[in-house]
Amino acid sequence: MGSGVHVVGISGSLSATSANSAVLDAVSRDAEAVTVEIWRGLDLLPPFRPDDDGDAAVASLRGAVAAADVVVIATPEYAGGMPGVLKNALDWLVGSGELYDRRVLVVSAAPAAERGANARRWVEDVVRMQGARVIGSFTAAVTRADAGAVERAARDVLRAIGGIAA
C-alpha cells in the first residue's frame, strides 16, 4: 500500500455502525496506489470558538488535513444537511488554512443513490468557502442487506482518487 499520494478520510458520523465509516475503513484496507489515513477524532473536538486555537484534538485534525494531498469526507445526511459534528470540525479549519487548495472528495453512503445530496452539497459549499477544490462528489447506495455494497463504494472512492493519483 502507498505511494506519494496521502489521503485522509473523515467520517461525519459518530455511529458505531455507520456506513460512511465502513466505506472509509474499506478504502483504507483496499488502497494499493495511495496511502490512506482515517482521522477518528470527531467526537473529541470541542465546540468551535473563533477566538480560541483549540486543543490537542483540533491540532490533530489540522495536522492530518495539512498533511493530506486529498481529503475524503464521508457524510451521512441528517435533517437535510451534514451532521453538526462534521460542521464543527470544518469550522475548526476556518482561518487556519489547512483546506486551502486541498483536493476534497465528498461521498455519502446512503440507503439509495438519490439520498445524501443535501449533505454533500453542504460539505462542498463549506470546503469551497475555505479554498478547497472539490474533485468529486457522489452518493454510494449502501444497505445492510447488500453485503458487497461497502466494498463497491470503496472501489468507487479509490477510482475517484486514482484519477488524481496518476
Foldseek 3Di string as FASTA:
>chain_A
DADPAEEEEEELDPDPPDLLVLLLVLLCVPDDYHHYHYLDCLVVFDQDDPVDLGDPSLVSLLVSLLPHQEYEYEAEADPQEGDPSVVRSLSSCPPVQSQAQHEYEYEYAEQDFVPDPSHQVRVVVSSVVSHHHHQYYGYQNDDPVDPCRSNVSSVVVSVSVVVVSD
